[in-house]
Amino acid sequence: MNALLYAGLVIFYVLVMLAVGFWCMKRTKDVGDFFLGGRSLGPWMSAFAYGTTYFSAVLFIGYAGRLGWGFGIHTLWIVFGNTLIGTLLAWWILAGRTRDMTARLNAMTMPEFLRARYGSPPLQVISALVVFVFLVPYSASVYMGLSYLFQRTLGLQYNQALVFLAVLTGVYLIMGGYFAVALSDFIRGIVEFFGVITMVLLLVGMKGGLVASFTALLDPKYAPALHASPPPTGPPFPGWVTLVSLVLITSFGPWALPQMVQKFYSIRSRADVKRAMVIATIFALFMSFGAYYSGALTHLFFADPKTDLASIANPQTGKPELDLLMPLFITTYVPPWLTMVILLMVFSASMSSLSSLVLVSSSAIAIDLYGASGNREKNPKRTMILMRVLCGVFVALSLWIAVSKVDVIVNLMVIAWSALSGAFLAPYLYGLFWQRATKIGAYAGMISGVGTAVGLFFLWGKPLIPVAGAIAMFVPLLVMPVVSLLTRPPKPELVMKAFGEEVAAGEAGPVDSPDVSSTAR
């Protein structure tokens, strides 16, 4: 009976999303509308689009379960990082400036921005390939996390759930583009916000309240990953190094992830940035706390892991599959009516992330590879058709990886975030704030970031993927300025086009400089 209720709720939600996609399709006239919503989104839609893309099934299923079980109450450091650094500082430092500069440069994607900022068409092509290659496994990790939950609540087979989710993502995104994503994100964000508050209040109520449960979780036995033996390969890093690495990756990583930065391109004006910053920060605090604290609470509910987690044990190793921990927890201890809310909440967050990932990845080919030769301006209708086709292709590739179950959810996400952040963090940040940043410096930063990430992943193996990712993210921040200072300065016309009035004033440009969007017009 419960499965029928869950299925009915999901079907209703699906119909609403398809209706949104159909309505938005009528508003989508060109590539700018399809990918950025015409740069006309207000603060609420922009903030919710950012938050729902940030927190998906990877957080609620993979991260909350695996990390909540491994690090216990100490995962709240990740909450602190995601809220303060990943959201508040990201909007405060990056959003307004990104919106203004991309408008001046007529750039719709991260690769387009890098090409225009550094005057290098090959940089756009290379960046597009990096985006496409590494966003595929990230998208697959979202599909995997959501499918595990559907498998447990709806009784669907894993592969059946994957196909259902893939078809839904493709259909409504292909119809309406980014405006459909942003509008549905606003609806989803409301569901998620109230859903996570309800979930945490009920769960802590079962264990004596927030203070009592927090005090109980301070017991060191509830953070086994902090006291585990070093991995057999790689340097003997203690557990806290892995935790710090995860804080850095999930907090600084979004600063350069193309699907996150896209939200800054599309906001209506700089005045809306401050409002969006407040909304997004509050949303991030509640969402991240709800997910990680719920994951830590599993220790208080599953007192005897060998017995309580037997149903999710791997038949070969006998150890529990922690990617299945949260679905087991939700369906075992959460009341059926709240399970429905959580199902819809996780479904909502995941659909948002998937939509953004698919949209950004298809743009890597349609806008950044096909459009690099100027075909976007020459054949705008053909470019939009190509983007819609590629949305379907990307969904199919992600589906194939998810069906193959090539790795655990957390590893797939960390690999993708680390490689993308390693590639783009330095060229993006220095490109925004430093007029002396050069094309060769950008190449050096990108190559050193991706090279460090991939090299350390293979050298150290799975246990140290988070540490390798954190190192790969910060190495380019040291490499790029050194190479830029040793190479020829950028052409004055490139600097003038990117920085506009700041060049005339002889400034690097304050974060809260006046709205210069009129320059783009």
Protein backbone atom coordinates (compact mmCIF):
# COMPACT_ATOMS: atom_id res chain seq x y z
CA MET A 1 0.00 0.00 0.00
CA ASN A 2 2.80 2.40 0.89
CA ALA A 3 4.53 1.70 -2.43
CA LEU A 4 1.33 2.66 -4.27
CA LEU A 5 1.11 5.94 -2.36
CA TYR A 6 4.75 6.72 -3.10
CA ALA A 7 4.24 5.87 -6.76
CA GLY A 8 1.16 8.10 -6.96
CA LEU A 9 3.06 11.00 -5.41
CA VAL A 10 5.95 10.59 -7.84
CA ILE A 11 3.58 10.38 -10.84
CA PHE A 12 1.84 13.59 -9.76
CA TYR A 13 5.21 15.31 -9.39
CA VAL A 14 6.29 14.05 -12.81
CA LEU A 15 3.16 15.48 -14.43
CA VAL A 16 3.81 18.87 -12.82
CA MET A 17 7.41 18.89 -14.09
CA LEU A 18 6.33 17.95 -17.61
CA ALA A 19 3.74 20.73 -17.55
CA VAL A 20 6.46 23.19 -16.52
CA GLY A 21 8.68 22.00 -19.35
CA PHE A 22 5.88 22.35 -21.91
CA TRP A 23 4.99 25.85 -20.74
CA CYS A 24 8.62 26.97 -20.77
CA MET A 25 9.13 25.54 -24.25
CA LYS A 26 6.92 28.33 -25.62
CA ARG A 27 9.20 30.95 -24.01
CA THR A 28 12.42 29.44 -25.35
CA LYS A 29 13.26 31.25 -28.58
CA ASP A 30 17.03 30.96 -28.91
CA VAL A 31 20.18 29.49 -27.36
CA GLY A 32 20.40 32.31 -24.80
CA ASP A 33 16.89 31.50 -23.58
CA PHE A 34 17.57 27.76 -23.57
CA PHE A 35 20.84 27.92 -21.64
CA LEU A 36 20.55 31.05 -19.45
CA GLY A 37 16.86 31.93 -19.38
CA GLY A 38 17.70 35.19 -21.16
CA ARG A 39 19.77 36.43 -18.15
CA SER A 40 16.48 37.51 -16.60
CA LEU A 41 16.07 35.38 -13.46
CA GLY A 42 15.26 37.05 -10.14
CA PRO A 43 16.90 36.37 -6.76
CA TRP A 44 14.52 33.66 -5.55
CA MET A 45 14.74 31.53 -8.67
CA SER A 46 18.51 32.00 -8.92
CA ALA A 47 19.11 31.15 -5.26
CA PHE A 48 16.92 28.05 -5.33
CA ALA A 49 18.50 26.92 -8.60
CA TYR A 50 21.93 27.18 -6.95
CA GLY A 51 20.87 25.36 -3.78
CA THR A 52 18.98 22.52 -5.40
CA THR A 53 21.86 21.91 -7.82
CA TYR A 54 24.32 21.88 -4.89
CA PHE A 55 22.40 19.36 -2.77
CA SER A 56 21.21 16.28 -4.65
CA ALA A 57 20.79 12.56 -4.03
CA VAL A 58 24.59 12.35 -3.79
CA LEU A 59 24.32 14.38 -0.58
CA PHE A 60 21.23 12.76 0.91
CA ILE A 61 22.05 9.17 -0.02
CA GLY A 62 25.79 8.81 -0.69
CA TYR A 63 27.32 11.51 1.48
CA ALA A 64 24.83 11.49 4.36
CA GLY A 65 25.01 7.72 4.70
CA ARG A 66 28.66 6.92 4.04
CA LEU A 67 30.17 10.02 5.66
CA GLY A 68 27.61 10.28 8.45
CA TRP A 69 28.40 6.69 9.40
CA GLY A 70 32.16 7.15 9.03
CA PHE A 71 32.66 10.54 10.70
CA GLY A 72 29.52 10.88 12.81
CA ILE A 73 28.84 14.31 14.30
CA HIS A 74 32.11 15.61 12.81
CA THR A 75 30.41 15.84 9.40
CA LEU A 76 28.98 19.13 10.69
CA TRP A 77 32.32 20.66 9.66
CA ILE A 78 31.18 19.95 6.10
CA VAL A 79 27.90 21.75 6.87
CA PHE A 80 29.88 24.77 8.08
CA GLY A 81 32.05 24.77 4.94
CA ASN A 82 29.17 24.29 2.50
CA THR A 83 27.17 27.11 4.07
CA LEU A 84 29.88 29.70 4.70
CA ILE A 85 32.31 29.04 1.85
CA GLY A 86 30.36 27.12 -0.76
CA THR A 87 27.34 29.42 -0.63
CA LEU A 88 27.74 32.71 1.26
CA LEU A 89 31.26 33.59 0.10
CA ALA A 90 30.64 32.21 -3.38
CA TRP A 91 27.72 34.58 -3.91
CA TRP A 92 29.38 37.51 -2.13
CA ILE A 93 32.70 37.32 -3.96
CA LEU A 94 31.88 35.77 -7.33
CA ALA A 95 28.26 36.24 -8.37
CA GLY A 96 27.98 39.91 -9.27
CA ARG A 97 31.39 40.11 -10.87
CA THR A 98 30.79 36.94 -12.90
CA ARG A 99 27.44 38.20 -14.12
CA ASP A 100 28.95 41.53 -15.28
CA MET A 101 32.06 40.13 -16.94
CA THR A 102 30.29 37.32 -18.80
CA ALA A 103 27.77 39.87 -20.09
CA ARG A 104 30.59 42.11 -21.36
CA LEU A 105 32.32 39.15 -23.00
CA ASN A 106 29.06 37.70 -24.38
CA ALA A 107 29.94 34.35 -22.76
CA MET A 108 27.31 31.79 -21.82
CA THR A 109 29.52 28.95 -20.57
CA MET A 110 32.72 28.48 -18.59
CA PRO A 111 34.71 27.48 -21.72
CA GLU A 112 33.35 30.52 -23.61
CA PHE A 113 34.35 32.76 -20.72
CA LEU A 114 37.89 31.38 -20.68
CA ARG A 115 38.26 31.78 -24.45
CA ALA A 116 37.05 35.40 -24.38
CA ARG A 117 38.95 36.35 -21.23
CA TYR A 118 42.29 34.94 -22.41
CA GLY A 119 41.82 35.30 -26.17
CA SER A 120 42.36 31.60 -26.90
CA PRO A 121 39.86 29.52 -28.96
CA PRO A 122 41.76 26.26 -28.24
CA LEU A 123 41.26 26.90 -24.52
CA GLN A 124 37.51 26.81 -25.11
CA VAL A 125 37.71 23.47 -26.91
CA ILE A 126 39.93 21.87 -24.25
CA SER A 127 37.70 23.20 -21.47
CA ALA A 128 34.60 21.84 -23.20
CA LEU A 129 36.13 18.37 -23.38
CA VAL A 130 37.03 18.50 -19.67
CA VAL A 131 33.46 19.52 -18.81
CA PHE A 132 31.90 16.75 -20.85
CA VAL A 133 34.26 14.00 -19.69
CA PHE A 134 34.01 14.68 -15.96
CA LEU A 135 30.36 15.65 -15.67
CA VAL A 136 29.25 12.29 -17.05
CA PRO A 137 30.38 10.30 -13.95
CA TYR A 138 28.97 13.01 -11.67
CA SER A 139 25.59 12.70 -13.33
CA ALA A 140 25.84 8.92 -13.05
CA SER A 141 26.44 9.24 -9.29
CA VAL A 142 23.20 11.23 -8.93
CA TYR A 143 21.28 8.59 -10.89
CA MET A 144 22.75 5.86 -8.69
CA GLY A 145 21.85 7.58 -5.42
CA LEU A 146 18.27 8.26 -6.43
CA SER A 147 17.79 4.79 -7.88
CA TYR A 148 18.83 3.17 -4.59
CA LEU A 149 16.10 5.16 -2.82
CA PHE A 150 13.49 4.30 -5.46
CA GLN A 151 14.49 0.66 -5.25
CA ARG A 152 13.81 0.64 -1.53
CA THR A 153 10.62 2.75 -1.41
CA LEU A 154 8.81 1.97 -4.66
CA GLY A 155 9.88 -1.63 -5.05
CA LEU A 156 11.38 -0.92 -8.47
CA GLN A 157 14.42 -2.77 -9.68
CA TYR A 158 17.57 -0.65 -9.76
CA ASN A 159 17.73 -0.58 -13.56
CA GLN A 160 14.01 0.19 -13.87
CA ALA A 161 14.39 3.20 -11.59
CA LEU A 162 17.38 4.41 -13.62
CA VAL A 163 15.51 4.27 -16.92
CA PHE A 164 12.50 6.07 -15.44
CA LEU A 165 14.68 8.89 -14.09
CA ALA A 166 16.71 9.21 -17.27
CA VAL A 167 13.64 9.49 -19.50
CA LEU A 168 12.03 12.09 -17.23
CA THR A 169 15.19 14.21 -17.07
CA GLY A 170 15.63 14.16 -20.81
CA VAL A 171 12.03 14.94 -21.73
CA TYR A 172 11.31 17.99 -19.62
CA LEU A 173 14.80 19.46 -20.01
CA ILE A 174 14.81 19.07 -23.79
CA MET A 175 11.47 20.85 -23.91
CA GLY A 176 12.13 23.90 -21.75
CA GLY A 177 15.87 24.37 -21.20
CA TYR A 178 17.23 26.42 -18.29
CA PHE A 179 14.05 28.40 -17.66
CA ALA A 180 12.22 25.11 -17.10
CA VAL A 181 15.02 24.04 -14.75
CA ALA A 182 14.94 27.29 -12.77
CA LEU A 183 11.16 27.41 -12.44
CA SER A 184 10.94 23.77 -11.37
CA ASP A 185 13.89 24.36 -8.99
CA PHE A 186 11.83 27.00 -7.22
CA ILE A 187 9.01 24.49 -6.73
CA ARG A 188 11.45 21.79 -5.70
CA GLY A 189 13.28 24.09 -3.31
CA ILE A 190 10.14 24.80 -1.32
CA VAL A 191 9.47 21.06 -0.99
CA GLU A 192 13.06 20.37 0.06
CA PHE A 193 13.26 23.18 2.60
CA PHE A 194 10.18 22.18 4.58
CA GLY A 195 10.84 18.49 4.06
CA VAL A 196 14.31 18.55 5.60
CA ILE A 197 13.10 20.58 8.62
CA THR A 198 10.31 18.07 9.26
CA MET A 199 12.67 15.12 8.86
CA VAL A 200 15.25 16.39 11.36
CA LEU A 201 12.65 17.42 13.96
CA LEU A 202 11.04 13.99 13.94
CA LEU A 203 14.30 12.05 13.96
CA VAL A 204 15.84 13.95 16.86
CA GLY A 205 12.50 13.73 18.68
CA MET A 206 12.84 9.94 18.60
CA LYS A 207 16.18 10.24 20.44
CA GLY A 208 15.28 12.76 23.12
CA GLY A 209 15.73 16.00 21.22
CA LEU A 210 18.54 17.87 19.53
CA VAL A 211 20.72 18.39 22.63
CA ALA A 212 20.41 14.78 23.81
CA SER A 213 21.15 13.31 20.38
CA PHE A 214 24.08 15.68 19.81
CA THR A 215 25.58 14.76 23.20
CA ALA A 216 25.21 11.06 22.48
CA LEU A 217 26.93 11.40 19.09
CA LEU A 218 30.03 12.94 20.71
CA ASP A 219 31.07 9.40 21.71
CA PRO A 220 34.27 8.61 19.71
CA LYS A 221 32.91 5.19 18.72
CA TYR A 222 30.44 6.96 16.44
CA ALA A 223 33.25 8.34 14.26
CA PRO A 224 35.14 5.18 13.23
CA ALA A 225 36.69 6.77 10.14
CA LEU A 226 38.59 9.27 12.31
CA HIS A 227 40.32 6.44 14.16
CA ALA A 228 40.73 3.92 11.35
CA SER A 229 44.11 2.56 10.30
CA PRO A 230 45.80 4.32 7.35
CA PRO A 231 45.00 2.84 3.91
CA PRO A 232 47.38 0.18 2.55
CA THR A 233 48.44 2.39 -0.39
CA GLY A 234 49.57 6.00 -0.48
CA PRO A 235 50.81 8.21 2.37
CA PRO A 236 49.64 7.29 5.89
CA PHE A 237 47.21 10.19 6.30
CA PRO A 238 45.08 10.10 9.48
CA GLY A 239 41.30 10.15 9.21
CA TRP A 240 40.96 13.85 9.98
CA VAL A 241 42.95 14.70 6.84
CA THR A 242 40.28 12.95 4.75
CA LEU A 243 37.56 14.89 6.57
CA VAL A 244 39.31 18.23 6.00
CA SER A 245 39.79 17.30 2.35
CA LEU A 246 36.07 16.61 1.99
CA VAL A 247 35.26 19.98 3.56
CA LEU A 248 37.55 21.73 1.07
CA ILE A 249 36.30 19.84 -1.99
CA THR A 250 32.62 20.28 -1.24
CA SER A 251 33.02 23.94 -0.19
CA PHE A 252 35.59 25.45 -2.56
CA GLY A 253 34.80 23.03 -5.38
CA PRO A 254 31.48 24.68 -6.30
CA TRP A 255 33.32 27.97 -6.92
CA ALA A 256 34.50 26.58 -10.25
CA LEU A 257 31.95 23.91 -11.16
CA PRO A 258 30.36 24.95 -14.49
CA GLN A 259 26.86 23.91 -13.42
CA MET A 260 27.11 26.10 -10.30
CA VAL A 261 28.77 29.14 -11.91
CA GLN A 262 26.06 29.11 -14.59
CA LYS A 263 23.62 30.37 -11.94
CA PHE A 264 25.65 33.59 -11.69
CA TYR A 265 25.49 34.21 -15.45
CA SER A 266 21.72 34.15 -15.57
CA ILE A 267 20.73 36.41 -12.65
CA ARG A 268 18.89 39.57 -13.69
CA SER A 269 21.11 42.27 -12.14
CA ARG A 270 23.77 42.93 -9.50
CA ALA A 271 21.10 44.30 -7.16
CA ASP A 272 19.50 40.87 -7.12
CA VAL A 273 22.78 39.20 -6.13
CA LYS A 274 22.65 40.30 -2.47
CA ARG A 275 19.08 39.08 -2.06
CA ALA A 276 19.93 35.77 -3.71
CA MET A 277 23.00 35.42 -1.45
CA VAL A 278 20.87 35.59 1.72
CA ILE A 279 18.24 33.17 0.38
CA ALA A 280 20.82 30.66 -0.88
CA THR A 281 22.78 30.73 2.41
CA ILE A 282 19.73 30.00 4.55
CA PHE A 283 18.72 27.22 2.17
CA ALA A 284 22.22 25.69 2.25
CA LEU A 285 22.38 25.73 6.05
CA PHE A 286 19.14 23.82 6.50
CA MET A 287 19.71 21.38 3.64
CA SER A 288 23.28 20.42 4.53
CA PHE A 289 22.60 20.21 8.26
CA GLY A 290 19.52 18.06 7.70
CA ALA A 291 21.36 15.62 5.47
CA TYR A 292 24.59 15.20 7.45
CA TYR A 293 22.98 15.21 10.88
CA SER A 294 20.51 12.55 9.74
CA GLY A 295 23.43 10.49 8.47
CA ALA A 296 25.19 10.76 11.85
CA LEU A 297 21.94 9.80 13.64
CA THR A 298 22.01 6.37 12.00
CA HIS A 299 24.47 5.32 14.72
CA LEU A 300 21.81 5.85 17.39
CA PHE A 301 19.22 3.84 15.49
CA PHE A 302 21.42 0.97 14.27
CA ALA A 303 22.95 0.05 17.63
CA ASP A 304 24.12 -3.39 16.46
CA PRO A 305 25.56 -2.93 12.96
CA LYS A 306 26.19 -6.62 12.29
CA THR A 307 22.54 -7.46 12.86
CA ASP A 308 20.80 -4.23 11.92
CA LEU A 309 22.73 -3.76 8.67
CA ALA A 310 22.70 -7.40 7.58
CA SER A 311 20.16 -6.69 4.82
CA ILE A 312 22.57 -4.32 3.03
CA ALA A 313 25.71 -6.39 3.55
CA ASN A 314 27.87 -7.17 0.53
CA PRO A 315 27.66 -10.97 0.00
CA GLN A 316 31.36 -11.16 -0.92
CA THR A 317 32.90 -9.05 1.85
CA GLY A 318 30.18 -9.21 4.51
CA LYS A 319 30.52 -5.46 5.06
CA PRO A 320 27.47 -3.18 4.72
CA GLU A 321 26.99 -1.26 1.47
CA LEU A 322 26.87 2.23 2.95
CA ASP A 323 25.34 3.70 -0.22
CA LEU A 324 22.22 1.77 0.84
CA LEU A 325 22.35 2.93 4.46
CA MET A 326 20.09 5.97 4.16
CA PRO A 327 17.40 4.20 2.07
CA LEU A 328 17.36 1.43 4.71
CA PHE A 329 17.23 3.99 7.52
CA ILE A 330 14.40 5.97 5.93
CA THR A 331 12.22 2.97 5.16
CA THR A 332 12.84 1.34 8.56
CA TYR A 333 12.55 4.13 11.11
CA VAL A 334 10.77 7.02 9.39
CA PRO A 335 6.94 7.11 9.43
CA PRO A 336 5.38 6.30 6.02
CA TRP A 337 3.96 9.78 5.52
CA LEU A 338 7.36 11.35 6.17
CA THR A 339 9.00 8.81 3.90
CA MET A 340 6.79 10.20 1.15
CA VAL A 341 8.04 13.71 1.90
CA ILE A 342 11.68 12.58 1.96
CA LEU A 343 11.23 10.65 -1.28
CA LEU A 344 9.84 13.72 -2.99
CA MET A 345 12.52 15.91 -1.40
CA VAL A 346 15.44 13.77 -2.58
CA PHE A 347 13.77 13.27 -5.94
CA SER A 348 13.41 17.04 -6.29
CA ALA A 349 17.01 17.81 -5.38
CA SER A 350 18.33 15.14 -7.70
CA MET A 351 16.24 16.21 -10.68
CA SER A 352 17.61 19.73 -10.28
CA SER A 353 21.21 18.54 -10.21
CA LEU A 354 20.66 16.21 -13.14
CA SER A 355 19.02 18.95 -15.19
CA SER A 356 21.90 21.35 -14.61
CA LEU A 357 24.51 18.69 -15.31
CA VAL A 358 22.85 17.62 -18.56
CA LEU A 359 22.37 21.21 -19.70
CA VAL A 360 25.95 22.25 -19.00
CA SER A 361 27.39 19.09 -20.55
CA SER A 362 25.37 19.37 -23.75
CA SER A 363 26.45 23.02 -24.01
CA ALA A 364 30.07 21.85 -23.95
CA ILE A 365 29.50 20.35 -27.39
CA ALA A 366 26.77 22.53 -28.90
CA ILE A 367 28.09 25.92 -27.76
CA ASP A 368 31.76 25.38 -27.01
CA LEU A 369 32.81 22.93 -29.73
CA TYR A 370 30.27 23.53 -32.50
CA GLY A 371 29.96 27.21 -31.62
CA ALA A 372 33.69 27.84 -31.27
CA SER A 373 33.92 28.46 -35.02
CA GLY A 374 31.15 31.05 -34.89
CA ASN A 375 28.36 28.67 -35.88
CA ARG A 376 26.34 29.63 -32.81
CA GLU A 377 25.80 33.10 -34.20
CA LYS A 378 25.40 31.93 -37.79
CA ASN A 379 22.93 29.13 -37.11
CA PRO A 380 21.21 29.78 -33.74
CA LYS A 381 18.29 27.45 -34.48
CA ARG A 382 20.62 24.63 -35.46
CA THR A 383 22.65 25.16 -32.29
CA MET A 384 19.53 24.94 -30.13
CA ILE A 385 18.41 21.75 -31.90
CA LEU A 386 21.90 20.32 -31.37
CA MET A 387 21.74 21.17 -27.65
CA ARG A 388 18.43 19.36 -27.31
CA VAL A 389 19.79 16.28 -29.09
CA LEU A 390 22.94 16.30 -26.97
CA CYS A 391 20.89 16.51 -23.78
CA GLY A 392 19.52 13.10 -24.73
CA VAL A 393 22.96 11.74 -25.59
CA PHE A 394 24.42 12.86 -22.27
CA VAL A 395 21.54 11.29 -20.33
CA ALA A 396 22.18 8.01 -22.17
CA LEU A 397 25.92 8.04 -21.34
CA SER A 398 25.26 8.77 -17.67
CA LEU A 399 22.67 6.01 -17.61
CA TRP A 400 25.19 3.53 -19.00
CA ILE A 401 27.72 4.34 -16.27
CA ALA A 402 25.07 4.13 -13.55
CA VAL A 403 23.84 0.76 -14.83
CA SER A 404 27.42 -0.53 -14.80
CA LYS A 405 27.84 0.53 -11.13
CA VAL A 406 31.46 1.36 -11.84
CA ASP A 407 32.14 2.77 -8.37
CA VAL A 408 30.57 3.98 -5.15
CA ILE A 409 28.57 7.18 -5.25
CA VAL A 410 30.93 9.26 -3.12
CA ASN A 411 34.01 8.34 -5.18
CA LEU A 412 32.31 9.23 -8.47
CA MET A 413 31.27 12.63 -7.16
CA VAL A 414 34.63 13.47 -5.55
CA ILE A 415 36.54 12.49 -8.71
CA ALA A 416 34.31 14.70 -10.86
CA TRP A 417 34.35 17.68 -8.48
CA SER A 418 38.11 17.45 -7.96
CA ALA A 419 39.02 17.26 -11.65
CA LEU A 420 36.64 20.07 -12.65
CA SER A 421 37.71 22.33 -9.79
CA GLY A 422 41.36 21.58 -10.50
CA ALA A 423 40.83 22.53 -14.13
CA PHE A 424 38.81 25.73 -13.69
CA LEU A 425 39.30 27.23 -10.21
CA ALA A 426 42.56 29.06 -10.95
CA PRO A 427 41.77 30.27 -14.51
CA TYR A 428 38.31 31.39 -13.41
CA LEU A 429 39.32 33.23 -10.20
CA TYR A 430 42.43 34.90 -11.61
CA GLY A 431 40.51 35.73 -14.78
CA LEU A 432 37.88 37.55 -12.75
CA PHE A 433 40.15 39.52 -10.43
CA TRP A 434 43.68 39.76 -11.87
CA GLN A 435 44.34 41.71 -15.05
CA ARG A 436 47.86 40.27 -15.35
CA ALA A 437 46.62 36.66 -15.69
CA THR A 438 47.80 35.26 -19.02
CA LYS A 439 46.72 32.65 -21.52
CA ILE A 440 49.79 30.50 -20.87
CA GLY A 441 49.15 30.79 -17.14
CA ALA A 442 45.57 29.56 -17.66
CA TYR A 443 46.81 26.57 -19.65
CA ALA A 444 49.37 25.78 -16.94
CA GLY A 445 46.74 26.02 -14.23
CA MET A 446 44.31 23.77 -16.04
CA ILE A 447 46.90 21.15 -16.96
CA SER A 448 48.43 21.07 -13.47
CA GLY A 449 44.98 20.71 -11.86
CA VAL A 450 43.66 17.88 -14.02
CA GLY A 451 47.07 16.21 -14.14
CA THR A 452 47.46 16.27 -10.36
CA ALA A 453 43.93 14.94 -9.83
CA VAL A 454 44.18 12.05 -12.28
CA GLY A 455 47.77 11.21 -11.34
CA LEU A 456 47.10 11.04 -7.59
CA PHE A 457 43.87 9.09 -8.10
CA PHE A 458 45.81 6.35 -9.89
CA LEU A 459 48.82 6.55 -7.57
CA TRP A 460 47.00 6.45 -4.23
CA GLY A 461 43.80 4.57 -5.07
CA LYS A 462 40.25 4.87 -3.73
CA PRO A 463 40.90 5.42 0.00
CA LEU A 464 42.74 8.70 -0.63
CA ILE A 465 40.60 10.11 -3.45
CA PRO A 466 39.37 13.05 -1.27
CA VAL A 467 42.93 14.00 -0.26
CA ALA A 468 44.13 13.80 -3.86
CA GLY A 469 41.19 15.94 -4.95
CA ALA A 470 41.90 18.67 -2.40
CA ILE A 471 45.56 18.84 -3.43
CA ALA A 472 44.61 18.99 -7.13
CA MET A 473 42.25 21.89 -6.45
CA PHE A 474 44.89 24.14 -4.85
CA VAL A 475 48.02 23.29 -6.86
CA PRO A 476 46.89 25.42 -9.85
CA LEU A 477 46.35 28.41 -7.56
CA LEU A 478 50.13 28.40 -7.03
CA VAL A 479 51.16 27.41 -10.54
CA MET A 480 49.09 29.91 -12.54
CA PRO A 481 50.36 33.20 -11.01
CA VAL A 482 53.98 32.06 -11.30
CA VAL A 483 53.60 31.16 -14.98
CA SER A 484 51.60 34.34 -15.68
CA LEU A 485 54.36 36.54 -14.23
CA LEU A 486 56.98 34.73 -16.32
CA THR A 487 55.09 35.11 -19.61
CA ARG A 488 54.06 38.02 -21.80
CA PRO A 489 51.19 40.16 -20.39
CA PRO A 490 47.79 39.87 -22.06
CA LYS A 491 46.89 42.27 -24.86
CA PRO A 492 45.42 45.58 -23.60
CA GLU A 493 42.28 45.15 -25.71
CA LEU A 494 41.55 41.81 -24.02
CA VAL A 495 41.93 43.36 -20.59
CA MET A 496 39.81 46.35 -21.56
CA LYS A 497 37.02 44.16 -22.91
CA ALA A 498 36.97 41.98 -19.79
CA PHE A 499 37.40 44.62 -17.07
CA GLY A 500 35.81 47.62 -18.77
CA GLU A 501 35.68 50.70 -16.54
CA GLU A 502 38.15 49.22 -14.04
CA VAL A 503 41.00 49.47 -16.56
CA ALA A 504 40.35 53.14 -17.12
CA ALA A 505 40.29 53.69 -13.37
CA GLY A 506 43.50 51.72 -12.93
CA GLU A 507 41.90 49.34 -10.43
CA ALA A 508 41.71 45.59 -10.01
CA GLY A 509 38.05 46.14 -9.33
CA PRO A 510 36.16 45.89 -6.03
CA VAL A 511 33.69 43.10 -5.49
CA ASP A 512 30.83 45.52 -5.00
CA SER A 513 31.52 47.76 -8.00
CA PRO A 514 28.47 49.34 -9.62
CA ASP A 515 26.29 47.50 -12.11
CA VAL A 516 27.99 47.62 -15.49
CA SER A 517 25.63 45.32 -17.34
CA SER A 518 24.76 48.26 -19.57
CA THR A 519 28.29 47.98 -20.97
CA ALA A 520 27.31 44.66 -22.52
CA ARG A 521 24.40 46.30 -24.24
